Protein backbone atom coordinates (compact mmCIF):
# COMPACT_ATOMS: atom_id res chain seq x y z
CA UNK A 1 -1.09 -2.35 -16.80
CA UNK A 2 2.31 -3.31 -15.42
CA UNK A 3 2.51 -3.01 -11.64
CA UNK A 4 5.70 -2.95 -9.58
CA UNK A 5 5.15 -4.09 -6.00
CA UNK A 6 7.95 -3.28 -3.57
CA UNK A 7 7.78 -5.72 -0.68
CA UNK A 8 7.49 -9.49 -0.32
CA UNK A 9 5.41 -9.75 2.86
CA UNK A 10 1.75 -10.64 3.26
CA UNK A 11 0.57 -7.19 2.14
CA UNK A 12 2.68 -7.26 -1.01
CA UNK A 13 1.52 -10.78 -1.85
CA UNK A 14 -2.17 -10.02 -1.25
CA UNK A 15 -2.12 -6.89 -3.39
CA UNK A 16 -0.10 -8.63 -6.09
CA UNK A 17 -2.69 -11.41 -6.21
CA UNK A 18 -5.42 -8.80 -6.57
CA UNK A 19 -3.67 -7.08 -9.46
CA UNK A 20 -3.11 -10.40 -11.22
CA UNK A 21 -6.76 -11.37 -10.70
CA UNK A 22 -7.89 -8.11 -12.30
CA UNK A 23 -5.82 -8.54 -15.44
CA UNK A 24 -2.55 -6.78 -14.66
CA UNK A 25 1.01 -8.08 -14.72
CA UNK A 26 3.11 -7.79 -11.58
CA UNK A 27 6.80 -7.69 -10.74
CA UNK A 28 7.49 -8.16 -7.04
CA UNK A 29 10.62 -6.34 -5.92
CA UNK A 30 12.86 -7.02 -2.94
CA UNK A 31 16.34 -6.13 -1.73
CA UNK A 32 17.88 -8.96 -3.76
CA UNK A 33 16.88 -10.46 -7.08
CA UNK A 34 16.85 -13.99 -5.67
CA UNK A 35 14.59 -13.40 -2.65
CA UNK A 36 13.10 -16.83 -1.79
CA UNK A 37 9.68 -15.46 -0.79
CA UNK A 38 9.35 -13.56 -4.06
CA UNK A 39 10.58 -16.49 -6.15
CA UNK A 40 8.14 -18.90 -4.51
CA UNK A 41 5.29 -16.44 -5.02
CA UNK A 42 6.10 -15.97 -8.72
CA UNK A 43 6.38 -19.71 -9.32
CA UNK A 44 2.86 -20.18 -7.96
CA UNK A 45 1.30 -17.02 -9.41
CA UNK A 46 1.68 -17.76 -13.11
CA UNK A 47 3.01 -16.24 -16.31
CA UNK A 48 2.12 -12.62 -15.51
CA UNK A 49 4.15 -12.67 -12.29
CA UNK A 50 7.87 -11.94 -12.11
CA UNK A 51 10.47 -10.86 -9.57
CA UNK A 52 13.45 -8.56 -9.31
CA UNK A 53 15.12 -6.01 -7.10
CA UNK A 54 13.42 -2.88 -5.82
CA UNK A 55 15.05 -1.05 -8.74
CA UNK A 56 13.82 -3.63 -11.24
CA UNK A 57 10.23 -3.47 -9.99
CA UNK A 58 10.17 0.33 -9.83
CA UNK A 59 11.44 0.52 -13.39
CA UNK A 60 8.99 -2.14 -14.57
CA UNK A 61 5.80 -0.69 -13.17
CA UNK A 62 3.53 1.80 -14.88
CA UNK A 63 2.15 2.00 -11.34
CA UNK A 64 4.16 1.24 -8.21
CA UNK A 65 2.97 -0.08 -4.84
CA UNK A 66 5.19 0.52 -1.82
CA UNK A 67 4.45 -2.29 0.65
CA UNK A 68 7.67 -2.40 2.67
CA UNK A 69 7.98 -1.58 6.36
CA UNK A 70 7.05 2.02 7.05
CA UNK A 71 10.34 2.63 8.81
CA UNK A 72 12.25 1.65 5.66
CA UNK A 73 10.86 4.20 3.17
CA UNK A 74 14.09 6.17 2.72
CA UNK A 75 16.16 3.01 2.32
CA UNK A 76 13.64 1.54 -0.13
CA UNK A 77 13.66 4.65 -2.31
CA UNK A 78 17.46 4.83 -2.22
CA UNK A 79 17.76 1.20 -3.31
CA UNK A 80 15.14 1.55 -6.03
CA UNK A 81 16.29 4.93 -7.34
CA UNK A 82 13.95 7.90 -7.08
CA UNK A 83 14.14 8.60 -10.81
CA UNK A 84 12.36 5.32 -11.58
CA UNK A 85 9.22 6.64 -9.85
CA UNK A 86 9.12 9.89 -11.83
CA UNK A 87 5.70 10.71 -13.28
CA UNK A 88 4.13 7.51 -11.94
CA UNK A 89 1.28 6.85 -9.55
CA UNK A 90 2.70 5.40 -6.33
CA UNK A 91 0.34 3.71 -3.88
CA UNK A 92 1.70 3.99 -0.34
CA UNK A 93 0.37 1.07 1.71
CA UNK A 94 2.81 1.51 4.59
CA UNK A 95 2.40 2.57 8.20
CA UNK A 96 5.35 3.92 10.24
CA UNK A 97 4.79 1.58 13.17
CA UNK A 98 7.12 1.51 16.16
CA UNK A 99 7.15 -1.65 18.31
CA UNK A 100 10.10 -0.66 20.50
CA UNK A 101 7.96 -0.18 23.62
CA UNK A 102 5.94 -3.34 23.17
CA UNK A 103 2.59 -1.76 22.35
CA UNK A 104 2.52 -0.47 18.76
CA UNK A 105 2.71 3.27 18.18
CA UNK A 106 3.37 5.57 15.25
CA UNK A 107 6.99 6.55 14.78
CA UNK A 108 5.85 9.57 12.74
CA UNK A 109 2.83 11.50 13.97
CA UNK A 110 1.47 14.95 14.63
CA UNK A 111 2.48 17.35 11.88
CA UNK A 112 3.91 14.70 9.56
CA UNK A 113 3.25 11.19 8.26
CA UNK A 114 4.78 8.34 6.36
CA UNK A 115 2.78 9.31 3.29
CA UNK A 116 4.15 12.84 3.34
CA UNK A 117 7.64 11.47 3.91
CA UNK A 118 7.35 9.28 0.82
CA UNK A 119 6.06 12.19 -1.28
CA UNK A 120 9.06 14.28 -0.21
CA UNK A 121 11.38 11.42 -1.13
CA UNK A 122 9.64 11.17 -4.54
CA UNK A 123 8.92 14.78 -5.56
CA UNK A 124 8.30 13.84 -9.21
CA UNK A 125 5.87 11.00 -8.43
CA UNK A 126 2.18 11.08 -7.48
CA UNK A 127 1.85 9.39 -4.10
CA UNK A 128 -1.58 8.19 -2.99
CA UNK A 129 -2.09 6.73 0.46
CA UNK A 130 -4.42 3.71 0.35
CA UNK A 131 -4.90 0.17 1.68
CA UNK A 132 -3.13 1.01 4.95
CA UNK A 133 -6.17 0.74 7.25
CA UNK A 134 -7.06 -2.91 6.83
CA UNK A 135 -5.64 -6.41 7.25
CA UNK A 136 -4.04 -7.90 4.14
CA UNK A 137 -6.65 -10.69 4.06
CA UNK A 138 -9.36 -8.13 3.28
CA UNK A 139 -7.52 -6.03 0.70
CA UNK A 140 -9.05 -7.80 -2.29
CA UNK A 141 -12.85 -7.95 -2.54
CA UNK A 142 -13.64 -7.93 1.18
CA UNK A 143 -16.71 -9.86 2.24
CA UNK A 144 -17.95 -8.57 5.57
CA UNK A 145 -21.44 -8.34 7.13
CA UNK A 146 -23.06 -5.00 6.37
CA UNK A 147 -21.70 -4.69 2.86
CA UNK A 148 -18.31 -3.55 1.58
CA UNK A 149 -16.25 -1.32 3.87
CA UNK A 150 -14.81 1.99 2.67
CA UNK A 151 -11.21 2.77 1.78
CA UNK A 152 -10.01 6.24 2.65
CA UNK A 153 -7.32 7.73 0.41
CA UNK A 154 -5.14 10.85 0.33
CA UNK A 155 -2.89 12.41 -2.30
CA UNK A 156 -2.05 15.68 -4.00
CA UNK A 157 -2.78 14.70 -7.60
CA UNK A 158 -6.41 14.41 -8.70
CA UNK A 159 -5.75 12.14 -11.68
CA UNK A 160 -3.60 9.83 -9.57
CA UNK A 161 -6.42 9.51 -7.07
CA UNK A 162 -8.83 8.75 -9.90
CA UNK A 163 -6.52 5.94 -11.00
CA UNK A 164 -6.37 4.53 -7.47
CA UNK A 165 -10.14 4.90 -7.07
CA UNK A 166 -10.58 2.76 -10.19
CA UNK A 167 -8.23 0.13 -8.80
CA UNK A 168 -10.11 0.15 -5.51
CA UNK A 169 -13.39 -0.35 -7.34
CA UNK A 170 -11.91 -3.40 -9.10
CA UNK A 171 -10.71 -4.64 -5.71
CA UNK A 172 -14.22 -4.25 -4.23
CA UNK A 173 -13.73 -1.02 -2.29
CA UNK A 174 -15.63 2.27 -2.47
CA UNK A 175 -13.09 5.10 -2.09
CA UNK A 176 -13.42 8.18 0.11
CA UNK A 177 -11.03 11.01 -0.78
CA UNK A 178 -9.69 12.88 2.26
CA UNK A 179 -7.77 15.44 0.21
CA UNK A 180 -4.05 16.10 -0.06
CA UNK A 181 -1.22 13.87 1.09
CA UNK A 182 -1.13 15.70 4.42
CA UNK A 183 -4.27 13.72 5.27
CA UNK A 184 -2.09 10.61 5.38
CA UNK A 185 -1.40 11.59 8.98
CA UNK A 186 -5.08 10.91 9.78
CA UNK A 187 -5.10 7.67 7.80
CA UNK A 188 -2.09 6.43 9.74
CA UNK A 189 -3.82 7.45 12.98
CA UNK A 190 -6.85 5.44 11.81
CA UNK A 191 -4.53 2.47 11.56
CA UNK A 192 -3.77 2.83 15.25
CA UNK A 193 -7.50 2.80 16.03
CA UNK A 194 -7.79 -0.34 13.91
CA UNK A 195 -4.85 -1.95 15.75
CA UNK A 196 -6.21 -1.09 19.20
CA UNK A 197 -9.63 -2.50 18.32
CA UNK A 198 -8.04 -5.65 16.93
CA UNK A 199 -5.94 -6.15 20.06
CA UNK A 200 -8.99 -5.71 22.27
CA UNK A 201 -11.15 -8.19 20.38
CA UNK A 202 -8.50 -10.46 18.83
CA UNK A 203 -10.43 -10.09 15.58
CA UNK A 204 -8.42 -8.67 12.70
CA UNK A 205 -11.11 -9.14 10.05
CA UNK A 206 -12.46 -5.66 10.62
CA UNK A 207 -12.63 -2.50 8.51
CA UNK A 208 -14.06 1.01 8.51
CA UNK A 209 -17.29 2.18 6.89
CA UNK A 210 -18.55 5.76 6.71
CA UNK A 211 -22.33 5.82 7.12
CA UNK A 212 -24.29 8.70 5.62
CA UNK A 213 -27.91 9.73 5.76
């Protein structure tokens, strides 16, 4: 499968590496076609890795990963072109974090979320919230005491969530479906719990697991 990854930061690079390791080809997209971080990544990643603009990567991917800053969703979609997402599964990895007051907070919360915002921006795409509740170093085949952690997901389209569940399995994650994209508001709130715990312990290699009897 061809995967378009929008974003050149640590999250985008970690997920891109996971897709390459599981047999997919990846185009990493950024604001400009000659982004140094993307070019360096592609040079090291091998023949199945390429780079381009947001528009290039969105057009390239059979599946698209949005791994930009959560505050930049509207700008990212505008630069990429909403039509290029039409009919595709879109994994939303972002969190709408606000650092303006020093301590992180959610810029969108309550009756809305970044995931819902992205779905509204892409009405013809199938947005699935996933990978937003963990550090990028654990996104691919996490190895933690107590067995693999769980990845919670949310999205309106059942088949899209099945696709993402399969990807998560390849990446070493059991998936727990929380329902429609409105549940992204709880996933983004979970991120804040993760952040607060990390700040308290200075340990970012942590993840959630749902224990059942």
